[in-house]
Amino acid sequence: RIIDAVTAGHGAGRVDRLALAVLVCAVA
């Protein structure tokens, strides 16, 4: 989803939220 967001030109905020979700998944 991060790759698609970057490809689609979404802002950094969406990428940061997705990255935070990745971190939560890794910790869990």
PDB file of all heavy atoms in Angstrom:
ATOM      1  N   ARG A   1       0.826  -1.204   0.000  1.00  0.00           N
ATOM      2  CA  ARG A   1       0.000   0.000   0.000  1.00  0.00           C
ATOM      3  C   ARG A   1       0.865   1.260   0.000  1.00  0.00           C
ATOM      4  O   ARG A   1       0.492   2.288  -0.583  1.00  0.00           O
ATOM      5  CB  ARG A   1      -0.909   0.001   1.233  1.00  0.00           C
ATOM      6  CG  ARG A   1      -1.850  -1.179   1.346  1.00  0.00           C
ATOM      7  CD  ARG A   1      -2.965  -1.195   0.295  1.00  0.00           C
ATOM      8  NE  ARG A   1      -2.558  -1.491  -1.062  1.00  0.00           N
ATOM      9  CZ  ARG A   1      -2.239  -2.689  -1.522  1.00  0.00           C
ATOM     10  NH1 ARG A   1      -2.237  -3.734  -0.704  1.00  0.00           N
ATOM     11  NH2 ARG A   1      -1.905  -2.870  -2.787  1.00  0.00           N
ATOM     12  N   ILE A   2       2.018   1.213   0.681  1.00  0.00           N
ATOM     13  CA  ILE A   2       2.936   2.359   0.673  1.00  0.00           C
ATOM     14  C   ILE A   2       3.431   2.626  -0.742  1.00  0.00           C
ATOM     15  O   ILE A   2       3.480   3.775  -1.216  1.00  0.00           O
ATOM     16  CB  ILE A   2       4.118   2.115   1.640  1.00  0.00           C
ATOM     17  CG1 ILE A   2       3.637   2.180   3.097  1.00  0.00           C
ATOM     18  CG2 ILE A   2       5.229   3.136   1.408  1.00  0.00           C
ATOM     19  CD1 ILE A   2       4.682   1.811   4.119  1.00  0.00           C
ATOM     20  N   ILE A   3       3.803   1.545  -1.468  1.00  0.00           N
ATOM     21  CA  ILE A   3       4.272   1.698  -2.851  1.00  0.00           C
ATOM     22  C   ILE A   3       3.175   2.322  -3.715  1.00  0.00           C
ATOM     23  O   ILE A   3       3.409   3.242  -4.517  1.00  0.00           O
ATOM     24  CB  ILE A   3       4.718   0.344  -3.414  1.00  0.00           C
ATOM     25  CG1 ILE A   3       5.983  -0.134  -2.690  1.00  0.00           C
ATOM     26  CG2 ILE A   3       4.958   0.427  -4.915  1.00  0.00           C
ATOM     27  CD1 ILE A   3       6.393  -1.549  -3.040  1.00  0.00           C
ATOM     28  N   ASP A   4       1.937   1.819  -3.549  1.00  0.00           N
ATOM     29  CA  ASP A   4       0.825   2.369  -4.326  1.00  0.00           C
ATOM     30  C   ASP A   4       0.565   3.824  -3.958  1.00  0.00           C
ATOM     31  O   ASP A   4       0.233   4.663  -4.837  1.00  0.00           O
ATOM     32  CB  ASP A   4      -0.442   1.533  -4.092  1.00  0.00           C
ATOM     33  CG  ASP A   4      -0.375   0.179  -4.786  1.00  0.00           C
ATOM     34  OD1 ASP A   4       0.464   0.022  -5.704  1.00  0.00           O
ATOM     35  OD2 ASP A   4      -1.140  -0.724  -4.408  1.00  0.00           O
ATOM     36  N   ALA A   5       0.719   4.151  -2.659  1.00  0.00           N
ATOM     37  CA  ALA A   5       0.486   5.535  -2.229  1.00  0.00           C
ATOM     38  C   ALA A   5       1.521   6.473  -2.821  1.00  0.00           C
ATOM     39  O   ALA A   5       1.196   7.591  -3.274  1.00  0.00           O
ATOM     40  CB  ALA A   5       0.512   5.618  -0.699  1.00  0.00           C
ATOM     41  N   VAL A   6       2.781   6.028  -2.810  1.00  0.00           N
ATOM     42  CA  VAL A   6       3.836   6.858  -3.396  1.00  0.00           C
ATOM     43  C   VAL A   6       3.624   6.994  -4.898  1.00  0.00           C
ATOM     44  O   VAL A   6       3.758   8.081  -5.482  1.00  0.00           O
ATOM     45  CB  VAL A   6       5.217   6.261  -3.079  1.00  0.00           C
ATOM     46  CG1 VAL A   6       6.306   7.008  -3.849  1.00  0.00           C
ATOM     47  CG2 VAL A   6       5.493   6.314  -1.574  1.00  0.00           C
ATOM     48  N   THR A   7       3.275   5.901  -5.563  1.00  0.00           N
ATOM     49  CA  THR A   7       3.036   5.933  -7.016  1.00  0.00           C
ATOM     50  C   THR A   7       1.875   6.857  -7.362  1.00  0.00           C
ATOM     51  O   THR A   7       1.911   7.592  -8.364  1.00  0.00           O
ATOM     52  CB  THR A   7       2.734   4.518  -7.529  1.00  0.00           C
ATOM     53  OG1 THR A   7       3.814   3.652  -7.174  1.00  0.00           O
ATOM     54  CG2 THR A   7       2.563   4.518  -9.044  1.00  0.00           C
ATOM     55  N   ALA A   8       0.858   6.866  -6.505  1.00  0.00           N
ATOM     56  CA  ALA A   8      -0.321   7.695  -6.760  1.00  0.00           C
ATOM     57  C   ALA A   8      -0.112   9.144  -6.340  1.00  0.00           C
ATOM     58  O   ALA A   8      -0.992   9.994  -6.564  1.00  0.00           O
ATOM     59  CB  ALA A   8      -1.535   7.120  -6.054  1.00  0.00           C
ATOM     60  N   GLY A   9       0.997   9.464  -5.691  1.00  0.00           N
ATOM     61  CA  GLY A   9       1.315  10.844  -5.316  1.00  0.00           C
ATOM     62  C   GLY A   9       0.679  11.297  -4.026  1.00  0.00           C
ATOM     63  O   GLY A   9       0.539  12.505  -3.800  1.00  0.00           O
ATOM     64  N   HIS A  10       0.313  10.367  -3.138  1.00  0.00           N
ATOM     65  CA  HIS A  10      -0.258  10.769  -1.851  1.00  0.00           C
ATOM     66  C   HIS A  10       0.804  11.431  -0.986  1.00  0.00           C
ATOM     67  O   HIS A  10       2.009  11.225  -1.168  1.00  0.00           O
ATOM     68  CB  HIS A  10      -0.850   9.566  -1.116  1.00  0.00           C
ATOM     69  CG  HIS A  10      -2.066   8.992  -1.793  1.00  0.00           C
ATOM     70  ND1 HIS A  10      -3.274   9.655  -1.845  1.00  0.00           N
ATOM     71  CD2 HIS A  10      -2.260   7.817  -2.443  1.00  0.00           C
ATOM     72  CE1 HIS A  10      -4.161   8.916  -2.501  1.00  0.00           C
ATOM     73  NE2 HIS A  10      -3.553   7.793  -2.883  1.00  0.00           N
ATOM     74  N   GLY A  11       0.359  12.177  -0.009  1.00  0.00           N
ATOM     75  CA  GLY A  11       1.274  12.922   0.832  1.00  0.00           C
ATOM     76  C   GLY A  11       2.013  12.059   1.830  1.00  0.00           C
ATOM     77  O   GLY A  11       1.736  10.876   2.006  1.00  0.00           O
ATOM     78  N   ALA A  12       2.962  12.726   2.537  1.00  0.00           N
ATOM     79  CA  ALA A  12       3.802  12.020   3.496  1.00  0.00           C
ATOM     80  C   ALA A  12       2.992  11.503   4.686  1.00  0.00           C
ATOM     81  O   ALA A  12       3.348  10.501   5.318  1.00  0.00           O
ATOM     82  CB  ALA A  12       4.922  12.925   3.991  1.00  0.00           C
ATOM     83  N   GLY A  13       1.892  12.192   5.009  1.00  0.00           N
ATOM     84  CA  GLY A  13       1.093  11.781   6.160  1.00  0.00           C
ATOM     85  C   GLY A  13       0.546  10.368   6.000  1.00  0.00           C
ATOM     86  O   GLY A  13       0.568   9.571   6.931  1.00  0.00           O
ATOM     87  N   ARG A  14       0.043  10.044   4.808  1.00  0.00           N
ATOM     88  CA  ARG A  14      -0.492   8.697   4.580  1.00  0.00           C
ATOM     89  C   ARG A  14       0.625   7.652   4.672  1.00  0.00           C
ATOM     90  O   ARG A  14       0.432   6.577   5.254  1.00  0.00           O
ATOM     91  CB  ARG A  14      -1.169   8.634   3.203  1.00  0.00           C
ATOM     92  CG  ARG A  14      -1.757   7.265   2.882  1.00  0.00           C
ATOM     93  CD  ARG A  14      -2.523   7.300   1.554  1.00  0.00           C
ATOM     94  NE  ARG A  14      -2.982   5.968   1.175  1.00  0.00           N
ATOM     95  CZ  ARG A  14      -4.037   5.348   1.677  1.00  0.00           C
ATOM     96  NH1 ARG A  14      -4.772   5.956   2.617  1.00  0.00           N
ATOM     97  NH2 ARG A  14      -4.387   4.136   1.271  1.00  0.00           N
ATOM     98  N   VAL A  15       1.780   8.000   4.102  1.00  0.00           N
ATOM     99  CA  VAL A  15       2.914   7.070   4.153  1.00  0.00           C
ATOM    100  C   VAL A  15       3.356   6.846   5.594  1.00  0.00           C
ATOM    101  O   VAL A  15       3.655   5.716   6.007  1.00  0.00           O
ATOM    102  CB  VAL A  15       4.083   7.596   3.305  1.00  0.00           C
ATOM    103  CG1 VAL A  15       5.329   6.721   3.493  1.00  0.00           C
ATOM    104  CG2 VAL A  15       3.701   7.655   1.838  1.00  0.00           C
ATOM    105  N   ASP A  16       3.351   7.932   6.404  1.00  0.00           N
ATOM    106  CA  ASP A  16       3.761   7.794   7.805  1.00  0.00           C
ATOM    107  C   ASP A  16       2.789   6.909   8.577  1.00  0.00           C
ATOM    108  O   ASP A  16       3.202   6.091   9.406  1.00  0.00           O
ATOM    109  CB  ASP A  16       3.831   9.170   8.461  1.00  0.00           C
ATOM    110  CG  ASP A  16       5.020   9.986   7.958  1.00  0.00           C
ATOM    111  OD1 ASP A  16       5.931   9.367   7.373  1.00  0.00           O
ATOM    112  OD2 ASP A  16       5.018  11.208   8.155  1.00  0.00           O
ATOM    113  N   ARG A  17       1.501   7.064   8.323  1.00  0.00           N
ATOM    114  CA  ARG A  17       0.515   6.238   9.019  1.00  0.00           C
ATOM    115  C   ARG A  17       0.670   4.750   8.649  1.00  0.00           C
ATOM    116  O   ARG A  17       0.577   3.866   9.504  1.00  0.00           O
ATOM    117  CB  ARG A  17      -0.894   6.729   8.694  1.00  0.00           C
ATOM    118  CG  ARG A  17      -1.253   8.057   9.361  1.00  0.00           C
ATOM    119  CD  ARG A  17      -2.741   8.329   9.256  1.00  0.00           C
ATOM    120  NE  ARG A  17      -3.178   8.472   7.876  1.00  0.00           N
ATOM    121  CZ  ARG A  17      -3.136   9.613   7.189  1.00  0.00           C
ATOM    122  NH1 ARG A  17      -2.659  10.728   7.765  1.00  0.00           N
ATOM    123  NH2 ARG A  17      -3.572   9.676   5.942  1.00  0.00           N
ATOM    124  N   LEU A  18       0.903   4.527   7.360  1.00  0.00           N
ATOM    125  CA  LEU A  18       1.114   3.135   6.920  1.00  0.00           C
ATOM    126  C   LEU A  18       2.393   2.559   7.524  1.00  0.00           C
ATOM    127  O   LEU A  18       2.443   1.388   7.930  1.00  0.00           O
ATOM    128  CB  LEU A  18       1.164   3.061   5.393  1.00  0.00           C
ATOM    129  CG  LEU A  18      -0.163   3.312   4.669  1.00  0.00           C
ATOM    130  CD1 LEU A  18       0.067   3.453   3.165  1.00  0.00           C
ATOM    131  CD2 LEU A  18      -1.138   2.166   4.955  1.00  0.00           C
ATOM    132  N   ALA A  19       3.442   3.388   7.601  1.00  0.00           N
ATOM    133  CA  ALA A  19       4.708   2.937   8.199  1.00  0.00           C
ATOM    134  C   ALA A  19       4.529   2.623   9.678  1.00  0.00           C
ATOM    135  O   ALA A  19       5.082   1.642  10.200  1.00  0.00           O
ATOM    136  CB  ALA A  19       5.786   3.998   8.010  1.00  0.00           C
ATOM    137  N   LEU A  20       3.730   3.457  10.388  1.00  0.00           N
ATOM    138  CA  LEU A  20       3.457   3.188  11.795  1.00  0.00           C
ATOM    139  C   LEU A  20       2.705   1.867  11.950  1.00  0.00           C
ATOM    140  O   LEU A  20       2.981   1.093  12.872  1.00  0.00           O
ATOM    141  CB  LEU A  20       2.644   4.341  12.387  1.00  0.00           C
ATOM    142  CG  LEU A  20       2.271   4.203  13.877  1.00  0.00           C
ATOM    143  CD1 LEU A  20       3.534   4.138  14.733  1.00  0.00           C
ATOM    144  CD2 LEU A  20       1.374   5.373  14.314  1.00  0.00           C
ATOM    145  N   ALA A  21       1.770   1.579  11.033  1.00  0.00           N
ATOM    146  CA  ALA A  21       1.040   0.311  11.076  1.00  0.00           C
ATOM    147  C   ALA A  21       1.973  -0.875  10.871  1.00  0.00           C
ATOM    148  O   ALA A  21       1.812  -1.936  11.486  1.00  0.00           O
ATOM    149  CB  ALA A  21      -0.063   0.321  10.027  1.00  0.00           C
ATOM    150  N   VAL A  22       2.983  -0.691   9.971  1.00  0.00           N
ATOM    151  CA  VAL A  22       3.988  -1.746   9.762  1.00  0.00           C
ATOM    152  C   VAL A  22       4.740  -2.026  11.058  1.00  0.00           C
ATOM    153  O   VAL A  22       4.978  -3.177  11.442  1.00  0.00           O
ATOM    154  CB  VAL A  22       4.970  -1.357   8.638  1.00  0.00           C
ATOM    155  CG1 VAL A  22       6.131  -2.350   8.571  1.00  0.00           C
ATOM    156  CG2 VAL A  22       4.270  -1.303   7.295  1.00  0.00           C
ATOM    157  N   LEU A  23       5.104  -0.941  11.785  1.00  0.00           N
ATOM    158  CA  LEU A  23       5.820  -1.090  13.053  1.00  0.00           C
ATOM    159  C   LEU A  23       4.958  -1.822  14.087  1.00  0.00           C
ATOM    160  O   LEU A  23       5.444  -2.707  14.797  1.00  0.00           O
ATOM    161  CB  LEU A  23       6.229   0.285  13.577  1.00  0.00           C
ATOM    162  CG  LEU A  23       6.955   0.302  14.939  1.00  0.00           C
ATOM    163  CD1 LEU A  23       8.275  -0.469  14.842  1.00  0.00           C
ATOM    164  CD2 LEU A  23       7.200   1.751  15.390  1.00  0.00           C
ATOM    165  N   VAL A  24       3.672  -1.457  14.163  1.00  0.00           N
ATOM    166  CA  VAL A  24       2.774  -2.121  15.108  1.00  0.00           C
ATOM    167  C   VAL A  24       2.679  -3.619  14.809  1.00  0.00           C
ATOM    168  O   VAL A  24       2.718  -4.455  15.712  1.00  0.00           O
ATOM    169  CB  VAL A  24       1.372  -1.467  15.062  1.00  0.00           C
ATOM    170  CG1 VAL A  24       0.361  -2.304  15.860  1.00  0.00           C
ATOM    171  CG2 VAL A  24       1.440  -0.042  15.610  1.00  0.00           C
ATOM    172  N   CYS A  25       2.565  -3.943  13.502  1.00  0.00           N
ATOM    173  CA  CYS A  25       2.507  -5.360  13.115  1.00  0.00           C
ATOM    174  C   CYS A  25       3.773  -6.104  13.515  1.00  0.00           C
ATOM    175  O   CYS A  25       3.719  -7.247  13.998  1.00  0.00           O
ATOM    176  CB  CYS A  25       2.280  -5.481  11.605  1.00  0.00           C
ATOM    177  SG  CYS A  25       0.615  -5.032  11.080  1.00  0.00           S
ATOM    178  N   ALA A  26       4.935  -5.448  13.317  1.00  0.00           N
ATOM    179  CA  ALA A  26       6.210  -6.094  13.654  1.00  0.00           C
ATOM    180  C   ALA A  26       6.321  -6.349  15.153  1.00  0.00           C
ATOM    181  O   ALA A  26       6.751  -7.420  15.595  1.00  0.00           O
ATOM    182  CB  ALA A  26       7.374  -5.240  13.172  1.00  0.00           C
ATOM    183  N   VAL A  27       5.916  -5.331  15.972  1.00  0.00           N
ATOM    184  CA  VAL A  27       5.981  -5.487  17.426  1.00  0.00           C
ATOM    185  C   VAL A  27       5.028  -6.591  17.887  1.00  0.00           C
ATOM    186  O   VAL A  27       5.370  -7.438  18.724  1.00  0.00           O
ATOM    187  CB  VAL A  27       5.647  -4.150  18.124  1.00  0.00           C
ATOM    188  CG1 VAL A  27       5.506  -4.359  19.636  1.00  0.00           C
ATOM    189  CG2 VAL A  27       6.734  -3.117  17.843  1.00  0.00           C
ATOM    190  N   ALA A  28       3.792  -6.585  17.322  1.00  0.00           N
ATOM    191  CA  ALA A  28       2.814  -7.604  17.701  1.00  0.00           C
ATOM    192  C   ALA A  28       3.318  -8.999  17.340  1.00  0.00           C
ATOM    193  O   ALA A  28       3.184  -9.950  18.126  1.00  0.00           O
ATOM    194  CB  ALA A  28       1.477  -7.326  17.013  1.00  0.00           C
TER     195      ALA A  28
END
